[in-house]
Amino acid sequence: EIVLDARETSRKVANLRRDGRVSVVVGGRDGV
């Protein structure tokens, strides 16, 4: 699982409480 911390009042928390669908992109600078 991917884990992060966030402020309860952040828009990302409000958004995921409404709709839990998310995407994440990691890396890229080195071509991977």
Full PDB file with SEQRES, HELIX, SHEET, SSBOND, CRYST1, ORIGX, SCALE, CONECT and MASTER records, all heavy atoms in Angstrom:
SEQRES   1 A   32  GLU ILE VAL LEU ASP ALA ARG GLU THR SER ARG LYS VAL          
SEQRES   2 A   32  ALA ASN LEU ARG ARG ASP GLY ARG VAL SER VAL VAL VAL          
SEQRES   3 A   32  GLY GLY ARG ASP GLY VAL                                      
HELIX    1 AA1 ARG A   11  ARG A   18  1                                   8    
CRYST1    1.000    1.000    1.000  90.00  90.00  90.00 P 1           1          
ORIGX1      1.000000  0.000000  0.000000        0.00000                         
ORIGX2      0.000000  1.000000  0.000000        0.00000                         
ORIGX3      0.000000  0.000000  1.000000        0.00000                         
SCALE1      1.000000  0.000000  0.000000        0.00000                         
SCALE2      0.000000  1.000000  0.000000        0.00000                         
SCALE3      0.000000  0.000000  1.000000        0.00000                         
ATOM      1  N   GLU A   1       0.857  -1.197   0.000  1.00  0.00           N  
ATOM      2  CA  GLU A   1       0.000   0.000   0.000  1.00  0.00           C  
ATOM      3  C   GLU A   1       0.888   1.241   0.000  1.00  0.00           C  
ATOM      4  O   GLU A   1       1.989   1.222   0.560  1.00  0.00           O  
ATOM      5  CB  GLU A   1      -0.872   0.030   1.263  1.00  0.00           C  
ATOM      6  CG  GLU A   1      -1.751  -1.191   1.402  1.00  0.00           C  
ATOM      7  CD  GLU A   1      -1.989  -1.582   2.849  1.00  0.00           C  
ATOM      8  OE1 GLU A   1      -1.033  -1.562   3.657  1.00  0.00           O  
ATOM      9  OE2 GLU A   1      -3.135  -1.916   3.165  1.00  0.00           O  
ATOM     10  N   ILE A   2       0.406   2.296  -0.597  1.00  0.00           N  
ATOM     11  CA  ILE A   2       1.090   3.584  -0.555  1.00  0.00           C  
ATOM     12  C   ILE A   2       0.540   4.348   0.642  1.00  0.00           C  
ATOM     13  O   ILE A   2      -0.666   4.371   0.875  1.00  0.00           O  
ATOM     14  CB  ILE A   2       0.861   4.380  -1.858  1.00  0.00           C  
ATOM     15  CG1 ILE A   2       1.398   3.590  -3.052  1.00  0.00           C  
ATOM     16  CG2 ILE A   2       1.523   5.760  -1.762  1.00  0.00           C  
ATOM     17  CD1 ILE A   2       1.043   4.182  -4.397  1.00  0.00           C  
ATOM     18  N   VAL A   3       1.447   4.981   1.404  1.00  0.00           N  
ATOM     19  CA  VAL A   3       1.054   5.694   2.615  1.00  0.00           C  
ATOM     20  C   VAL A   3       1.632   7.105   2.582  1.00  0.00           C  
ATOM     21  O   VAL A   3       2.773   7.319   2.174  1.00  0.00           O  
ATOM     22  CB  VAL A   3       1.563   4.955   3.873  1.00  0.00           C  
ATOM     23  CG1 VAL A   3       1.190   5.696   5.129  1.00  0.00           C  
ATOM     24  CG2 VAL A   3       1.032   3.534   3.916  1.00  0.00           C  
ATOM     25  N   LEU A   4       0.828   8.054   3.017  1.00  0.00           N  
ATOM     26  CA  LEU A   4       1.256   9.442   3.144  1.00  0.00           C  
ATOM     27  C   LEU A   4       0.541  10.072   4.324  1.00  0.00           C  
ATOM     28  O   LEU A   4      -0.413   9.504   4.855  1.00  0.00           O  
ATOM     29  CB  LEU A   4       0.963  10.212   1.854  1.00  0.00           C  
ATOM     30  CG  LEU A   4      -0.491  10.205   1.394  1.00  0.00           C  
ATOM     31  CD1 LEU A   4      -1.053  11.598   1.330  1.00  0.00           C  
ATOM     32  CD2 LEU A   4      -0.557   9.550   0.014  1.00  0.00           C  
ATOM     33  N   ASP A   5       1.011  11.236   4.731  1.00  0.00           N  
ATOM     34  CA  ASP A   5       0.292  11.976   5.760  1.00  0.00           C  
ATOM     35  C   ASP A   5      -0.261  13.245   5.142  1.00  0.00           C  
ATOM     36  O   ASP A   5       0.222  13.714   4.115  1.00  0.00           O  
ATOM     37  CB  ASP A   5       1.164  12.263   6.985  1.00  0.00           C  
ATOM     38  CG  ASP A   5       2.271  13.274   6.732  1.00  0.00           C  
ATOM     39  OD1 ASP A   5       2.572  13.587   5.563  1.00  0.00           O  
ATOM     40  OD2 ASP A   5       2.848  13.767   7.710  1.00  0.00           O  
ATOM     41  N   ALA A   6      -1.314  13.775   5.749  1.00  0.00           N  
ATOM     42  CA  ALA A   6      -1.958  14.977   5.201  1.00  0.00           C  
ATOM     43  C   ALA A   6      -2.706  15.709   6.307  1.00  0.00           C  
ATOM     44  O   ALA A   6      -3.133  15.098   7.292  1.00  0.00           O  
ATOM     45  CB  ALA A   6      -2.936  14.595   4.091  1.00  0.00           C  
ATOM     46  N   ARG A   7      -2.865  16.987   6.121  1.00  0.00           N  
ATOM     47  CA  ARG A   7      -3.698  17.765   7.045  1.00  0.00           C  
ATOM     48  C   ARG A   7      -5.153  17.369   6.851  1.00  0.00           C  
ATOM     49  O   ARG A   7      -5.620  17.239   5.723  1.00  0.00           O  
ATOM     50  CB  ARG A   7      -3.562  19.261   6.791  1.00  0.00           C  
ATOM     51  CG  ARG A   7      -2.231  19.791   7.160  1.00  0.00           C  
ATOM     52  CD  ARG A   7      -2.319  21.210   7.723  1.00  0.00           C  
ATOM     53  NE  ARG A   7      -1.127  21.458   8.516  1.00  0.00           N  
ATOM     54  CZ  ARG A   7      -1.008  21.185   9.812  1.00  0.00           C  
ATOM     55  NH1 ARG A   7      -2.013  20.705  10.475  1.00  0.00           N  
ATOM     56  NH2 ARG A   7       0.108  21.423  10.451  1.00  0.00           N  
ATOM     57  N   GLU A   8      -5.840  17.187   7.946  1.00  0.00           N  
ATOM     58  CA  GLU A   8      -7.272  16.849   7.913  1.00  0.00           C  
ATOM     59  C   GLU A   8      -8.054  17.857   7.075  1.00  0.00           C  
ATOM     60  O   GLU A   8      -9.017  17.495   6.397  1.00  0.00           O  
ATOM     61  CB  GLU A   8      -7.812  16.801   9.342  1.00  0.00           C  
ATOM     62  CG  GLU A   8      -9.302  16.618   9.440  1.00  0.00           C  
ATOM     63  CD  GLU A   8      -9.783  15.255   9.006  1.00  0.00           C  
ATOM     64  OE1 GLU A   8      -9.184  14.261   9.394  1.00  0.00           O  
ATOM     65  OE2 GLU A   8     -10.785  15.196   8.253  1.00  0.00           O  
ATOM     66  N   THR A   9      -7.628  19.112   7.087  1.00  0.00           N  
ATOM     67  CA  THR A   9      -8.346  20.186   6.387  1.00  0.00           C  
ATOM     68  C   THR A   9      -7.919  20.363   4.928  1.00  0.00           C  
ATOM     69  O   THR A   9      -8.436  21.246   4.246  1.00  0.00           O  
ATOM     70  CB  THR A   9      -8.143  21.519   7.130  1.00  0.00           C  
ATOM     71  OG1 THR A   9      -6.726  21.785   7.220  1.00  0.00           O  
ATOM     72  CG2 THR A   9      -8.746  21.466   8.529  1.00  0.00           C  
ATOM     73  N   SER A  10      -7.006  19.526   4.434  1.00  0.00           N  
ATOM     74  CA  SER A  10      -6.515  19.688   3.068  1.00  0.00           C  
ATOM     75  C   SER A  10      -7.577  19.282   2.049  1.00  0.00           C  
ATOM     76  O   SER A  10      -8.473  18.483   2.331  1.00  0.00           O  
ATOM     77  CB  SER A  10      -5.243  18.856   2.852  1.00  0.00           C  
ATOM     78  OG  SER A  10      -5.553  17.478   2.887  1.00  0.00           O  
ATOM     79  N   ARG A  11      -7.445  19.802   0.852  1.00  0.00           N  
ATOM     80  CA  ARG A  11      -8.394  19.458  -0.200  1.00  0.00           C  
ATOM     81  C   ARG A  11      -8.268  17.993  -0.594  1.00  0.00           C  
ATOM     82  O   ARG A  11      -9.245  17.361  -0.951  1.00  0.00           O  
ATOM     83  CB  ARG A  11      -8.277  20.393  -1.398  1.00  0.00           C  
ATOM     84  CG  ARG A  11      -7.013  20.261  -2.195  1.00  0.00           C  
ATOM     85  CD  ARG A  11      -6.945  21.276  -3.315  1.00  0.00           C  
ATOM     86  NE  ARG A  11      -5.805  20.973  -4.172  1.00  0.00           N  
ATOM     87  CZ  ARG A  11      -5.637  21.464  -5.363  1.00  0.00           C  
ATOM     88  NH1 ARG A  11      -6.518  22.299  -5.870  1.00  0.00           N  
ATOM     89  NH2 ARG A  11      -4.589  21.150  -6.072  1.00  0.00           N  
ATOM     90  N   LYS A  12      -7.040  17.424  -0.507  1.00  0.00           N  
ATOM     91  CA  LYS A  12      -6.885  16.016  -0.873  1.00  0.00           C  
ATOM     92  C   LYS A  12      -7.679  15.120   0.063  1.00  0.00           C  
ATOM     93  O   LYS A  12      -8.285  14.148  -0.367  1.00  0.00           O  
ATOM     94  CB  LYS A  12      -5.411  15.616  -0.965  1.00  0.00           C  
ATOM     95  CG  LYS A  12      -4.681  15.435   0.335  1.00  0.00           C  
ATOM     96  CD  LYS A  12      -3.248  15.058   0.150  1.00  0.00           C  
ATOM     97  CE  LYS A  12      -2.248  16.136   0.071  1.00  0.00           C  
ATOM     98  NZ  LYS A  12      -2.404  17.448   0.455  1.00  0.00           N  
ATOM     99  N   VAL A  13      -7.726  15.452   1.359  1.00  0.00           N  
ATOM    100  CA  VAL A  13      -8.504  14.656   2.316  1.00  0.00           C  
ATOM    101  C   VAL A  13      -9.998  14.826   2.049  1.00  0.00           C  
ATOM    102  O   VAL A  13     -10.748  13.849   2.028  1.00  0.00           O  
ATOM    103  CB  VAL A  13      -8.122  15.005   3.764  1.00  0.00           C  
ATOM    104  CG1 VAL A  13      -9.084  14.372   4.757  1.00  0.00           C  
ATOM    105  CG2 VAL A  13      -6.684  14.566   4.046  1.00  0.00           C  
ATOM    106  N   ALA A  14     -10.438  16.050   1.823  1.00  0.00           N  
ATOM    107  CA  ALA A  14     -11.856  16.279   1.499  1.00  0.00           C  
ATOM    108  C   ALA A  14     -12.231  15.519   0.228  1.00  0.00           C  
ATOM    109  O   ALA A  14     -13.295  14.882   0.168  1.00  0.00           O  
ATOM    110  CB  ALA A  14     -12.124  17.771   1.325  1.00  0.00           C  
ATOM    111  N   ASN A  15     -11.360  15.555  -0.769  1.00  0.00           N  
ATOM    112  CA  ASN A  15     -11.632  14.867  -2.027  1.00  0.00           C  
ATOM    113  C   ASN A  15     -11.731  13.359  -1.836  1.00  0.00           C  
ATOM    114  O   ASN A  15     -12.673  12.722  -2.325  1.00  0.00           O  
ATOM    115  CB  ASN A  15     -10.531  15.165  -3.050  1.00  0.00           C  
ATOM    116  CG  ASN A  15     -10.570  16.581  -3.570  1.00  0.00           C  
ATOM    117  OD1 ASN A  15     -11.550  17.306  -3.391  1.00  0.00           O  
ATOM    118  ND2 ASN A  15      -9.490  17.002  -4.198  1.00  0.00           N  
ATOM    119  N   LEU A  16     -10.782  12.762  -1.136  1.00  0.00           N  
ATOM    120  CA  LEU A  16     -10.805  11.300  -1.023  1.00  0.00           C  
ATOM    121  C   LEU A  16     -11.904  10.821  -0.085  1.00  0.00           C  
ATOM    122  O   LEU A  16     -12.377   9.701  -0.224  1.00  0.00           O  
ATOM    123  CB  LEU A  16      -9.436  10.733  -0.653  1.00  0.00           C  
ATOM    124  CG  LEU A  16      -8.876  10.940   0.737  1.00  0.00           C  
ATOM    125  CD1 LEU A  16      -9.361   9.861   1.693  1.00  0.00           C  
ATOM    126  CD2 LEU A  16      -7.362  10.886   0.659  1.00  0.00           C  
ATOM    127  N   ARG A  17     -12.343  11.658   0.847  1.00  0.00           N  
ATOM    128  CA  ARG A  17     -13.501  11.282   1.671  1.00  0.00           C  
ATOM    129  C   ARG A  17     -14.770  11.210   0.808  1.00  0.00           C  
ATOM    130  O   ARG A  17     -15.648  10.414   1.060  1.00  0.00           O  
ATOM    131  CB  ARG A  17     -13.699  12.273   2.807  1.00  0.00           C  
ATOM    132  CG  ARG A  17     -12.682  12.116   3.927  1.00  0.00           C  
ATOM    133  CD  ARG A  17     -13.101  12.937   5.139  1.00  0.00           C  
ATOM    134  NE  ARG A  17     -12.112  12.987   6.166  1.00  0.00           N  
ATOM    135  CZ  ARG A  17     -11.902  12.032   7.085  1.00  0.00           C  
ATOM    136  NH1 ARG A  17     -12.624  10.938   7.056  1.00  0.00           N  
ATOM    137  NH2 ARG A  17     -10.975  12.192   8.014  1.00  0.00           N  
ATOM    138  N   ARG A  18     -14.823  12.030  -0.229  1.00  0.00           N  
ATOM    139  CA  ARG A  18     -15.971  12.047  -1.140  1.00  0.00           C  
ATOM    140  C   ARG A  18     -15.852  10.964  -2.214  1.00  0.00           C  
ATOM    141  O   ARG A  18     -16.813  10.334  -2.598  1.00  0.00           O  
ATOM    142  CB  ARG A  18     -16.078  13.438  -1.784  1.00  0.00           C  
ATOM    143  CG  ARG A  18     -17.322  13.661  -2.631  1.00  0.00           C  
ATOM    144  CD  ARG A  18     -17.365  15.039  -3.271  1.00  0.00           C  
ATOM    145  NE  ARG A  18     -16.143  15.356  -4.005  1.00  0.00           N  
ATOM    146  CZ  ARG A  18     -15.118  16.059  -3.523  1.00  0.00           C  
ATOM    147  NH1 ARG A  18     -15.159  16.570  -2.325  1.00  0.00           N  
ATOM    148  NH2 ARG A  18     -14.047  16.279  -4.257  1.00  0.00           N  
ATOM    149  N   ASP A  19     -14.639  10.766  -2.710  1.00  0.00           N  
ATOM    150  CA  ASP A  19     -14.386   9.804  -3.784  1.00  0.00           C  
ATOM    151  C   ASP A  19     -12.968   9.295  -3.603  1.00  0.00           C  
ATOM    152  O   ASP A  19     -12.012  10.046  -3.798  1.00  0.00           O  
ATOM    153  CB  ASP A  19     -14.550  10.484  -5.146  1.00  0.00           C  
ATOM    154  CG  ASP A  19     -14.482   9.522  -6.318  1.00  0.00           C  
ATOM    155  OD1 ASP A  19     -13.888   8.435  -6.172  1.00  0.00           O  
ATOM    156  OD2 ASP A  19     -15.020   9.865  -7.388  1.00  0.00           O  
ATOM    157  N   GLY A  20     -12.824   8.043  -3.220  1.00  0.00           N  
ATOM    158  CA  GLY A  20     -11.524   7.481  -2.890  1.00  0.00           C  
ATOM    159  C   GLY A  20     -10.634   7.126  -4.061  1.00  0.00           C  
ATOM    160  O   GLY A  20      -9.498   6.693  -3.865  1.00  0.00           O  
ATOM    161  N   ARG A  21     -11.105   7.325  -5.291  1.00  0.00           N  
ATOM    162  CA  ARG A  21     -10.275   7.002  -6.454  1.00  0.00           C  
ATOM    163  C   ARG A  21      -9.128   7.999  -6.574  1.00  0.00           C  
ATOM    164  O   ARG A  21      -9.360   9.216  -6.582  1.00  0.00           O  
ATOM    165  CB  ARG A  21     -11.101   7.002  -7.732  1.00  0.00           C  
ATOM    166  CG  ARG A  21     -12.153   5.904  -7.752  1.00  0.00           C  
ATOM    167  CD  ARG A  21     -13.013   5.990  -8.981  1.00  0.00           C  
ATOM    168  NE  ARG A  21     -13.766   7.258  -8.959  1.00  0.00           N  
ATOM    169  CZ  ARG A  21     -14.389   7.769 -10.012  1.00  0.00           C  
ATOM    170  NH1 ARG A  21     -14.345   7.139 -11.182  1.00  0.00           N  
ATOM    171  NH2 ARG A  21     -15.065   8.890  -9.905  1.00  0.00           N  
ATOM    172  N   VAL A  22      -7.909   7.473  -6.651  1.00  0.00           N  
ATOM    173  CA  VAL A  22      -6.718   8.313  -6.735  1.00  0.00           C  
ATOM    174  C   VAL A  22      -5.745   7.728  -7.753  1.00  0.00           C  
ATOM    175  O   VAL A  22      -5.849   6.563  -8.141  1.00  0.00           O  
ATOM    176  CB  VAL A  22      -6.006   8.443  -5.372  1.00  0.00           C  
ATOM    177  CG1 VAL A  22      -6.928   9.088  -4.343  1.00  0.00           C  
ATOM    178  CG2 VAL A  22      -5.500   7.111  -4.869  1.00  0.00           C  
ATOM    179  N   SER A  23      -4.789   8.556  -8.143  1.00  0.00           N  
ATOM    180  CA  SER A  23      -3.665   8.067  -8.933  1.00  0.00           C  
ATOM    181  C   SER A  23      -2.386   8.639  -8.340  1.00  0.00           C  
ATOM    182  O   SER A  23      -2.391   9.685  -7.697  1.00  0.00           O  
ATOM    183  CB  SER A  23      -3.811   8.448 -10.415  1.00  0.00           C  
ATOM    184  OG  SER A  23      -3.735   9.839 -10.574  1.00  0.00           O  
ATOM    185  N   VAL A  24      -1.302   7.917  -8.561  1.00  0.00           N  
ATOM    186  CA  VAL A  24      -0.005   8.299  -8.020  1.00  0.00           C  
ATOM    187  C   VAL A  24       1.040   8.047  -9.099  1.00  0.00           C  
ATOM    188  O   VAL A  24       0.995   7.025  -9.794  1.00  0.00           O  
ATOM    189  CB  VAL A  24       0.341   7.460  -6.760  1.00  0.00           C  
ATOM    190  CG1 VAL A  24       1.679   7.870  -6.181  1.00  0.00           C  
ATOM    191  CG2 VAL A  24      -0.759   7.573  -5.713  1.00  0.00           C  
ATOM    192  N   VAL A  25       1.977   8.977  -9.231  1.00  0.00           N  
ATOM    193  CA  VAL A  25       3.110   8.797 -10.138  1.00  0.00           C  
ATOM    194  C   VAL A  25       4.385   8.985  -9.323  1.00  0.00           C  
ATOM    195  O   VAL A  25       4.536   9.977  -8.612  1.00  0.00           O  
ATOM    196  CB  VAL A  25       3.081   9.801 -11.313  1.00  0.00           C  
ATOM    197  CG1 VAL A  25       4.314   9.632 -12.190  1.00  0.00           C  
ATOM    198  CG2 VAL A  25       1.809   9.633 -12.129  1.00  0.00           C  
ATOM    199  N   VAL A  26       5.279   8.012  -9.425  1.00  0.00           N  
ATOM    200  CA  VAL A  26       6.549   8.031  -8.700  1.00  0.00           C  
ATOM    201  C   VAL A  26       7.672   7.921  -9.716  1.00  0.00           C  
ATOM    202  O   VAL A  26       7.596   7.125 -10.653  1.00  0.00           O  
ATOM    203  CB  VAL A  26       6.622   6.846  -7.702  1.00  0.00           C  
ATOM    204  CG1 VAL A  26       7.952   6.846  -6.954  1.00  0.00           C  
ATOM    205  CG2 VAL A  26       5.450   6.875  -6.733  1.00  0.00           C  
ATOM    206  N   GLY A  27       8.719   8.708  -9.519  1.00  0.00           N  
ATOM    207  CA  GLY A  27       9.894   8.630 -10.373  1.00  0.00           C  
ATOM    208  C   GLY A  27       9.730   9.398 -11.672  1.00  0.00           C  
ATOM    209  O   GLY A  27       8.913  10.307 -11.772  1.00  0.00           O  
ATOM    210  N   GLY A  28      10.540   9.048 -12.654  1.00  0.00           N  
ATOM    211  CA  GLY A  28      10.449   9.674 -13.964  1.00  0.00           C  
ATOM    212  C   GLY A  28      11.698  10.405 -14.383  1.00  0.00           C  
ATOM    213  O   GLY A  28      12.052  10.419 -15.558  1.00  0.00           O  
ATOM    214  N   ARG A  29      12.368  11.001 -13.456  1.00  0.00           N  
ATOM    215  CA  ARG A  29      13.532  11.819 -13.794  1.00  0.00           C  
ATOM    216  C   ARG A  29      14.624  11.010 -14.490  1.00  0.00           C  
ATOM    217  O   ARG A  29      15.296  11.500 -15.389  1.00  0.00           O  
ATOM    218  CB  ARG A  29      14.082  12.462 -12.525  1.00  0.00           C  
ATOM    219  CG  ARG A  29      15.141  13.495 -12.772  1.00  0.00           C  
ATOM    220  CD  ARG A  29      15.525  14.205 -11.531  1.00  0.00           C  
ATOM    221  NE  ARG A  29      14.314  14.745 -10.920  1.00  0.00           N  
ATOM    222  CZ  ARG A  29      14.286  15.425  -9.797  1.00  0.00           C  
ATOM    223  NH1 ARG A  29      15.391  15.656  -9.149  1.00  0.00           N  
ATOM    224  NH2 ARG A  29      13.155  15.884  -9.308  1.00  0.00           N  
ATOM    225  N   ASP A  30      14.769   9.737 -14.092  1.00  0.00           N  
ATOM    226  CA  ASP A  30      15.814   8.895 -14.658  1.00  0.00           C  
ATOM    227  C   ASP A  30      15.314   7.992 -15.787  1.00  0.00           C  
ATOM    228  O   ASP A  30      16.031   7.122 -16.252  1.00  0.00           O  
ATOM    229  CB  ASP A  30      16.453   8.051 -13.565  1.00  0.00           C  
ATOM    230  CG  ASP A  30      15.491   7.058 -12.939  1.00  0.00           C  
ATOM    231  OD1 ASP A  30      14.274   7.121 -13.231  1.00  0.00           O  
ATOM    232  OD2 ASP A  30      15.944   6.208 -12.152  1.00  0.00           O  
ATOM    233  N   GLY A  31      14.059   8.179 -16.205  1.00  0.00           N  
ATOM    234  CA  GLY A  31      13.509   7.367 -17.274  1.00  0.00           C  
ATOM    235  C   GLY A  31      12.716   6.167 -16.807  1.00  0.00           C  
ATOM    236  O   GLY A  31      12.247   5.375 -17.623  1.00  0.00           O  
ATOM    237  N   VAL A  32      12.563   6.011 -15.479  1.00  0.00           N  
ATOM    238  CA  VAL A  32      11.783   4.919 -14.911  1.00  0.00           C  
ATOM    239  C   VAL A  32      10.637   5.529 -14.117  1.00  0.00           C  
ATOM    240  O   VAL A  32      10.848   6.385 -13.260  1.00  0.00           O  
ATOM    241  CB  VAL A  32      12.632   4.017 -13.996  1.00  0.00           C  
ATOM    242  CG1 VAL A  32      11.813   2.846 -13.484  1.00  0.00           C  
ATOM    243  CG2 VAL A  32      13.872   3.525 -14.724  1.00  0.00           C  
TER     244      VAL A  32                                                      
MASTER        0    0    0    1    0    0    0    6  243    1    0    3          
END                                                                             
